[in-house]
């Protein structure tokens, strides 16, 4: 059990983020792919990608031994949603930070020389990891990028709604039960390692994570002790949630415009990366009232969800909306 201790200042400084970043999700996908007894939520994904990497994930697997701590890719590559930006961050990570992250890992004997080179700043060893991140991302994440992105955005939007309606303590009470339990002023995290973490006024960043094996993780930057820790919360918690993410249905030759009407189809595609009503009207070249009407219809059909990000209204795809775009050839 991990116990996260809040002060009033920490509650005031707790905020939401949308993603752990492309590198961290890529690393987690490798761990999930090799997991035994994988839940029903990810089995269709596992079946579609298994065997396609041909050992190219080996540098990432080396960083995740079966026992003990694994590398914190958020610390080394940041939370960039672009894999290329994440790789650039990793290649430029300070040597001291690399050493701090790698030294606690119990590497397999066959990987120890390579790991030592990586710790010592060897460029080729870093390039091995960079190439593996790119390749694994292309196989495990890129084909599903739109659905992953929209699912994470939808979860963040739901959390933001709870935050607005019930405050931080309401969010902590409802967040990811039974993995988390709020007992003011302590958030209890079900975890194999026991620890007490005092936020000490830094606050907390809560972010959904997609390729998670149903375990909440608390991530802290070793070189930035004043930075708010990140609480990574699973966004896919069961087969009922996971099934629509992989089932895109049968392909069809009919265009999206035939299904929805040309303008509404364009509205659905425009929402793929998230946008507000004003931006939607600008992208489509229609009035704000017309854009609002199309958004209402798409929301009523379960293709988008609408929430607030700060003072702005934000429309994002639901997994069903993302699947429809992909099934009709509008890949992202």
Protein backbone atom coordinates (compact mmCIF):
# COMPACT_ATOMS: atom_id res chain seq x y z
CA UNK A 1 0.00 0.00 0.00
CA UNK A 2 1.18 3.50 -0.85
CA UNK A 3 -0.22 6.38 1.17
CA UNK A 4 -0.17 9.85 -0.39
CA UNK A 5 -0.52 12.57 2.25
CA UNK A 6 -2.23 15.83 1.24
CA UNK A 7 -2.26 19.26 2.80
CA UNK A 8 -4.83 21.92 1.97
CA UNK A 9 -2.24 23.44 -0.37
CA UNK A 10 -1.80 20.10 -2.14
CA UNK A 11 -5.54 19.81 -2.72
CA UNK A 12 -5.56 23.29 -4.23
CA UNK A 13 -2.65 22.38 -6.54
CA UNK A 14 -4.00 19.05 -7.78
CA UNK A 15 -4.66 19.10 -11.53
CA UNK A 16 -5.39 16.85 -14.49
CA UNK A 17 -3.32 15.89 -17.52
CA UNK A 18 -4.35 13.93 -20.62
CA UNK A 19 -1.51 11.47 -21.17
CA UNK A 20 1.70 10.04 -19.75
CA UNK A 21 3.21 10.54 -23.18
CA UNK A 22 3.99 8.39 -26.20
CA UNK A 23 7.21 6.90 -24.81
CA UNK A 24 5.70 5.78 -21.50
CA UNK A 25 2.63 4.29 -23.22
CA UNK A 26 4.93 2.50 -25.68
CA UNK A 27 6.96 0.99 -22.86
CA UNK A 28 3.81 -0.05 -21.01
CA UNK A 29 2.48 -1.73 -24.16
CA UNK A 30 5.53 -4.04 -24.17
CA UNK A 31 4.92 -4.97 -20.55
CA UNK A 32 1.24 -5.61 -21.27
CA UNK A 33 1.99 -7.67 -24.37
CA UNK A 34 4.09 -10.14 -22.41
CA UNK A 35 1.78 -10.23 -19.39
CA UNK A 36 0.36 -13.61 -18.40
CA UNK A 37 -3.35 -13.85 -17.84
CA UNK A 38 -4.09 -10.66 -19.74
CA UNK A 39 -7.63 -9.46 -19.12
CA UNK A 40 -10.35 -9.60 -21.75
CA UNK A 41 -10.10 -5.86 -22.37
CA UNK A 42 -6.78 -6.17 -24.19
CA UNK A 43 -6.91 -9.65 -25.71
CA UNK A 44 -8.06 -8.49 -29.18
CA UNK A 45 -5.22 -5.96 -29.24
CA UNK A 46 -2.73 -8.57 -28.08
CA UNK A 47 -3.82 -10.99 -30.79
CA UNK A 48 -3.51 -8.32 -33.50
CA UNK A 49 0.05 -7.21 -32.64
CA UNK A 50 1.71 -10.31 -31.18
CA UNK A 51 4.55 -11.69 -33.29
CA UNK A 52 4.94 -8.55 -35.41
CA UNK A 53 7.99 -7.10 -33.66
CA UNK A 54 10.45 -9.97 -34.28
CA UNK A 55 12.68 -9.13 -31.31
CA UNK A 56 12.79 -5.42 -32.08
CA UNK A 57 11.35 -4.66 -28.63
CA UNK A 58 14.35 -6.31 -26.93
CA UNK A 59 15.98 -3.05 -25.69
CA UNK A 60 12.70 -2.04 -24.05
CA UNK A 61 12.17 -5.50 -22.55
CA UNK A 62 15.68 -5.30 -21.07
CA UNK A 63 14.60 -2.18 -19.17
CA UNK A 64 11.69 -4.08 -17.60
CA UNK A 65 12.91 -7.18 -15.74
CA UNK A 66 10.24 -9.47 -14.35
CA UNK A 67 11.11 -8.55 -10.75
CA UNK A 68 11.99 -5.29 -9.10
CA UNK A 69 11.77 -1.70 -10.36
CA UNK A 70 11.58 -0.78 -14.04
CA UNK A 71 12.64 2.35 -15.84
CA UNK A 72 10.48 5.49 -15.52
CA UNK A 73 10.16 6.59 -19.14
CA UNK A 74 8.20 9.72 -18.18
CA UNK A 75 11.26 10.93 -16.28
CA UNK A 76 13.56 10.34 -19.26
CA UNK A 77 11.33 11.18 -22.23
CA UNK A 78 8.67 13.49 -20.79
CA UNK A 79 4.95 13.42 -21.53
CA UNK A 80 5.17 14.43 -25.21
CA UNK A 81 2.26 12.92 -27.19
CA UNK A 82 4.50 12.65 -30.29
CA UNK A 83 6.85 9.67 -30.37
CA UNK A 84 9.48 11.68 -32.27
CA UNK A 85 9.49 14.42 -29.65
CA UNK A 86 9.64 11.78 -26.93
CA UNK A 87 12.61 10.07 -28.61
CA UNK A 88 14.41 13.41 -28.90
CA UNK A 89 13.84 13.99 -25.18
CA UNK A 90 15.20 10.55 -24.37
CA UNK A 91 18.31 11.02 -26.50
CA UNK A 92 18.96 14.34 -24.76
CA UNK A 93 18.26 13.15 -21.19
CA UNK A 94 21.05 14.08 -18.73
CA UNK A 95 23.52 11.30 -17.98
CA UNK A 96 22.98 11.74 -14.22
CA UNK A 97 19.24 11.17 -14.68
CA UNK A 98 19.88 8.07 -16.80
CA UNK A 99 22.14 6.67 -14.10
CA UNK A 100 19.59 7.38 -11.34
CA UNK A 101 16.87 5.60 -13.31
CA UNK A 102 18.96 2.57 -14.30
CA UNK A 103 21.03 1.79 -11.20
CA UNK A 104 18.16 0.26 -9.14
CA UNK A 105 17.17 -2.12 -11.97
CA UNK A 106 18.17 -5.78 -11.58
CA UNK A 107 19.20 -6.41 -15.18
CA UNK A 108 19.44 -9.92 -16.57
CA UNK A 109 23.12 -10.95 -16.79
CA UNK A 110 22.96 -10.93 -20.59
CA UNK A 111 21.92 -7.26 -20.54
CA UNK A 112 24.30 -5.88 -17.91
CA UNK A 113 27.12 -4.75 -20.22
CA UNK A 114 24.64 -2.98 -22.52
CA UNK A 115 22.90 -1.39 -19.51
CA UNK A 116 26.25 -0.19 -18.15
CA UNK A 117 27.01 1.41 -21.51
CA UNK A 118 23.61 3.09 -21.43
CA UNK A 119 24.31 4.45 -17.95
CA UNK A 120 27.72 5.71 -19.04
CA UNK A 121 26.22 7.78 -21.85
CA UNK A 122 27.03 5.48 -24.78
CA UNK A 123 25.32 6.96 -27.86
CA UNK A 124 24.78 3.61 -29.59
CA UNK A 125 23.00 2.19 -26.55
CA UNK A 126 20.66 5.18 -26.48
CA UNK A 127 20.01 4.79 -30.20
CA UNK A 128 19.07 1.14 -29.57
CA UNK A 129 16.34 2.30 -27.19
CA UNK A 130 15.25 5.09 -29.55
CA UNK A 131 14.88 2.68 -32.48
CA UNK A 132 12.91 0.26 -30.31
CA UNK A 133 10.58 3.03 -29.14
CA UNK A 134 9.85 4.04 -32.74
CA UNK A 135 9.28 0.49 -33.96
CA UNK A 136 7.15 -0.64 -31.03
CA UNK A 137 5.07 2.53 -31.22
CA UNK A 138 4.46 1.93 -34.95
CA UNK A 139 3.18 -1.60 -34.28
CA UNK A 140 1.50 -1.41 -30.87
CA UNK A 141 0.08 2.12 -30.78
CA UNK A 142 0.02 3.91 -34.13
CA UNK A 143 -2.76 1.77 -35.70
CA UNK A 144 -4.97 2.60 -32.71
CA UNK A 145 -3.75 6.15 -32.08
CA UNK A 146 -7.05 7.89 -32.67
CA UNK A 147 -8.97 5.56 -30.36
CA UNK A 148 -6.29 5.76 -27.66
CA UNK A 149 -6.21 9.56 -27.89
CA UNK A 150 -9.98 9.95 -27.77
CA UNK A 151 -10.40 7.48 -24.91
CA UNK A 152 -7.81 9.28 -22.78
CA UNK A 153 -9.35 12.65 -23.60
CA UNK A 154 -12.82 11.36 -22.72
CA UNK A 155 -11.59 10.09 -19.35
CA UNK A 156 -9.89 13.39 -18.62
CA UNK A 157 -13.08 15.21 -19.58
CA UNK A 158 -15.10 13.03 -17.20
CA UNK A 159 -12.60 13.70 -14.41
CA UNK A 160 -12.72 17.43 -15.15
CA UNK A 161 -16.52 17.34 -14.88
CA UNK A 162 -16.30 15.62 -11.48
CA UNK A 163 -13.68 18.12 -10.39
CA UNK A 164 -15.92 21.03 -11.38
CA UNK A 165 -19.01 19.57 -9.73
CA UNK A 166 -17.60 17.96 -6.59
CA UNK A 167 -14.14 19.45 -6.09
CA UNK A 168 -10.81 17.69 -5.64
CA UNK A 169 -11.99 15.52 -2.75
CA UNK A 170 -14.99 14.40 -4.79
CA UNK A 171 -12.65 13.44 -7.62
CA UNK A 172 -10.34 11.51 -5.29
CA UNK A 173 -13.32 9.70 -3.75
CA UNK A 174 -14.63 8.48 -7.12
CA UNK A 175 -11.31 7.95 -8.88
CA UNK A 176 -10.47 4.38 -9.92
CA UNK A 177 -12.03 2.40 -7.11
CA UNK A 178 -11.05 -0.09 -5.69
CA UNK A 179 -7.41 0.67 -6.62
CA UNK A 180 -7.64 4.02 -4.83
CA UNK A 181 -9.34 4.96 -1.56
CA UNK A 182 -9.62 8.50 -0.23
CA UNK A 183 -9.38 8.72 3.55
CA UNK A 184 -8.85 12.43 4.17
CA UNK A 185 -6.17 13.66 4.14
CA UNK A 186 -4.60 10.46 2.74
CA UNK A 187 -5.08 8.81 -0.65
CA UNK A 188 -4.42 5.07 -0.32
CA UNK A 189 -3.05 3.37 -3.43
CA UNK A 190 -3.22 -0.40 -3.71
CA UNK A 191 0.36 -1.32 -4.55
CA UNK A 192 2.80 -4.20 -3.90
CA UNK A 193 5.33 -1.83 -2.28
CA UNK A 194 4.60 -0.04 0.98
CA UNK A 195 5.43 3.67 1.21
CA UNK A 196 4.30 7.00 2.63
CA UNK A 197 4.57 9.97 0.26
CA UNK A 198 4.11 13.49 1.62
CA UNK A 199 3.29 15.95 -1.15
CA UNK A 200 4.41 18.86 0.99
CA UNK A 201 2.61 21.55 -0.99
CA UNK A 202 3.70 20.32 -4.44
CA UNK A 203 0.23 19.13 -5.39
CA UNK A 204 -0.48 16.14 -7.62
CA UNK A 205 -0.94 15.63 -11.36
CA UNK A 206 -3.53 12.97 -12.18
CA UNK A 207 -3.35 11.45 -15.65
CA UNK A 208 -5.03 8.45 -17.28
CA UNK A 209 -2.77 5.79 -18.75
CA UNK A 210 -3.95 3.50 -21.53
CA UNK A 211 -1.68 0.44 -21.68
CA UNK A 212 -1.80 -0.31 -17.99
CA UNK A 213 -2.27 -3.69 -16.32
CA UNK A 214 -4.73 -2.24 -13.82
CA UNK A 215 -2.18 -0.82 -11.39
CA UNK A 216 -1.93 2.78 -10.26
CA UNK A 217 1.60 4.18 -10.30
CA UNK A 218 3.05 7.26 -8.61
CA UNK A 219 5.88 8.82 -10.64
CA UNK A 220 8.33 11.32 -9.17
CA UNK A 221 11.14 13.19 -10.88
CA UNK A 222 14.44 12.35 -9.11
CA UNK A 223 16.24 15.50 -10.28
CA UNK A 224 13.27 17.83 -9.65
CA UNK A 225 12.12 17.14 -6.07
CA UNK A 226 9.91 20.26 -6.04
CA UNK A 227 7.92 19.07 -9.07
CA UNK A 228 4.43 17.64 -8.46
CA UNK A 229 4.35 13.82 -8.64
CA UNK A 230 2.23 12.18 -11.34
CA UNK A 231 -0.47 9.68 -10.43
CA UNK A 232 -0.99 7.38 -13.44
CA UNK A 233 -4.48 5.87 -13.36
CA UNK A 234 -5.64 3.02 -15.67
CA UNK A 235 -8.12 4.21 -18.29
CA UNK A 236 -9.17 0.71 -19.42
CA UNK A 237 -10.60 -1.17 -16.46
CA UNK A 238 -12.55 -4.08 -17.94
CA UNK A 239 -13.85 -5.86 -21.03
CA UNK A 240 -16.92 -3.61 -21.26
CA UNK A 241 -14.64 -0.58 -21.59
CA UNK A 242 -12.04 -2.25 -23.77
CA UNK A 243 -14.20 -4.04 -26.34
CA UNK A 244 -15.27 -0.95 -28.35
CA UNK A 245 -11.65 0.18 -28.60
CA UNK A 246 -10.62 -2.72 -30.83
CA UNK A 247 -13.87 -3.69 -32.59
CA UNK A 248 -14.03 -1.40 -35.61
CA UNK A 249 -16.60 -3.54 -37.36
CA UNK A 250 -16.57 -4.51 -41.01
CA UNK A 251 -15.13 -2.08 -43.52
CA UNK A 252 -17.53 -0.41 -45.83
CA UNK A 253 -17.18 1.23 -49.20
CA UNK A 254 -19.66 3.91 -48.31
CA UNK A 255 -18.04 7.19 -47.42
CA UNK A 256 -18.48 8.82 -44.06
CA UNK A 257 -20.46 11.50 -45.85
CA UNK A 258 -23.00 8.91 -47.02
CA UNK A 259 -23.46 7.79 -43.45
CA UNK A 260 -23.68 11.12 -41.67
CA UNK A 261 -24.03 13.81 -44.29
CA UNK A 262 -21.06 15.74 -45.65
CA UNK A 263 -20.93 18.54 -43.08
CA UNK A 264 -21.53 16.30 -40.09
CA UNK A 265 -18.90 13.87 -41.33
CA UNK A 266 -16.47 16.75 -41.62
CA UNK A 267 -17.41 17.81 -38.08
CA UNK A 268 -16.64 14.35 -36.73
CA UNK A 269 -13.25 14.31 -38.47
CA UNK A 270 -12.50 17.84 -37.21
CA UNK A 271 -13.11 16.78 -33.61
CA UNK A 272 -10.54 13.97 -33.90
CA UNK A 273 -7.81 16.04 -32.27
CA UNK A 274 -10.18 17.82 -29.90
CA UNK A 275 -11.60 21.28 -30.46
CA UNK A 276 -14.17 23.72 -29.14
CA UNK A 277 -17.33 24.93 -30.86
CA UNK A 278 -15.71 28.16 -32.10
CA UNK A 279 -12.77 26.26 -33.57
CA UNK A 280 -15.15 23.71 -35.08
CA UNK A 281 -17.13 26.43 -36.82
CA UNK A 282 -13.88 27.95 -38.12
CA UNK A 283 -12.62 24.64 -39.47
CA UNK A 284 -15.91 23.91 -41.22
CA UNK A 285 -16.62 27.44 -42.39
CA UNK A 286 -20.06 27.48 -40.78
CA UNK A 287 -21.71 29.55 -38.06
CA UNK A 288 -21.11 28.83 -34.40
CA UNK A 289 -24.80 27.96 -34.02
CA UNK A 290 -24.59 25.42 -36.84
CA UNK A 291 -21.39 23.94 -35.38
CA UNK A 292 -23.09 23.65 -31.99
CA UNK A 293 -26.05 21.86 -33.61
CA UNK A 294 -23.81 19.33 -35.37
CA UNK A 295 -21.90 18.72 -32.15
CA UNK A 296 -25.17 18.11 -30.30
CA UNK A 297 -26.28 15.52 -32.88
CA UNK A 298 -22.89 13.75 -32.80
CA UNK A 299 -22.93 13.76 -29.02
CA UNK A 300 -26.45 12.34 -28.97
CA UNK A 301 -25.28 9.52 -31.24
CA UNK A 302 -22.46 8.67 -28.86
CA UNK A 303 -19.74 9.68 -31.32
CA UNK A 304 -18.29 12.59 -29.34
CA UNK A 305 -18.29 13.78 -25.77
CA UNK A 306 -18.16 17.37 -24.57
CA UNK A 307 -16.54 18.73 -21.46
CA UNK A 308 -14.73 21.75 -20.12
CA UNK A 309 -11.00 22.41 -20.10
CA UNK A 310 -10.60 25.48 -17.96
CA UNK A 311 -13.15 27.98 -19.25
CA UNK A 312 -13.30 26.46 -22.72
CA UNK A 313 -15.69 23.80 -24.02
CA UNK A 314 -13.86 20.88 -25.64
CA UNK A 315 -15.34 18.24 -27.96
CA UNK A 316 -13.47 14.92 -28.25
CA UNK A 317 -14.19 11.62 -29.95
CA UNK A 318 -15.59 8.67 -28.05
CA UNK A 319 -14.11 5.23 -28.83
CA UNK A 320 -17.18 4.61 -31.02
CA UNK A 321 -16.57 7.82 -32.96
CA UNK A 322 -12.90 6.98 -33.43
CA UNK A 323 -13.80 3.46 -34.61
CA UNK A 324 -16.26 4.87 -37.15
CA UNK A 325 -13.62 7.18 -38.59
CA UNK A 326 -11.18 4.30 -38.93
CA UNK A 327 -13.74 1.90 -40.39
CA UNK A 328 -14.49 4.41 -43.17
CA UNK A 329 -10.85 5.08 -43.96
CA UNK A 330 -10.36 8.29 -41.96
CA UNK A 331 -7.31 7.08 -40.01
CA UNK A 332 -5.41 9.33 -37.66
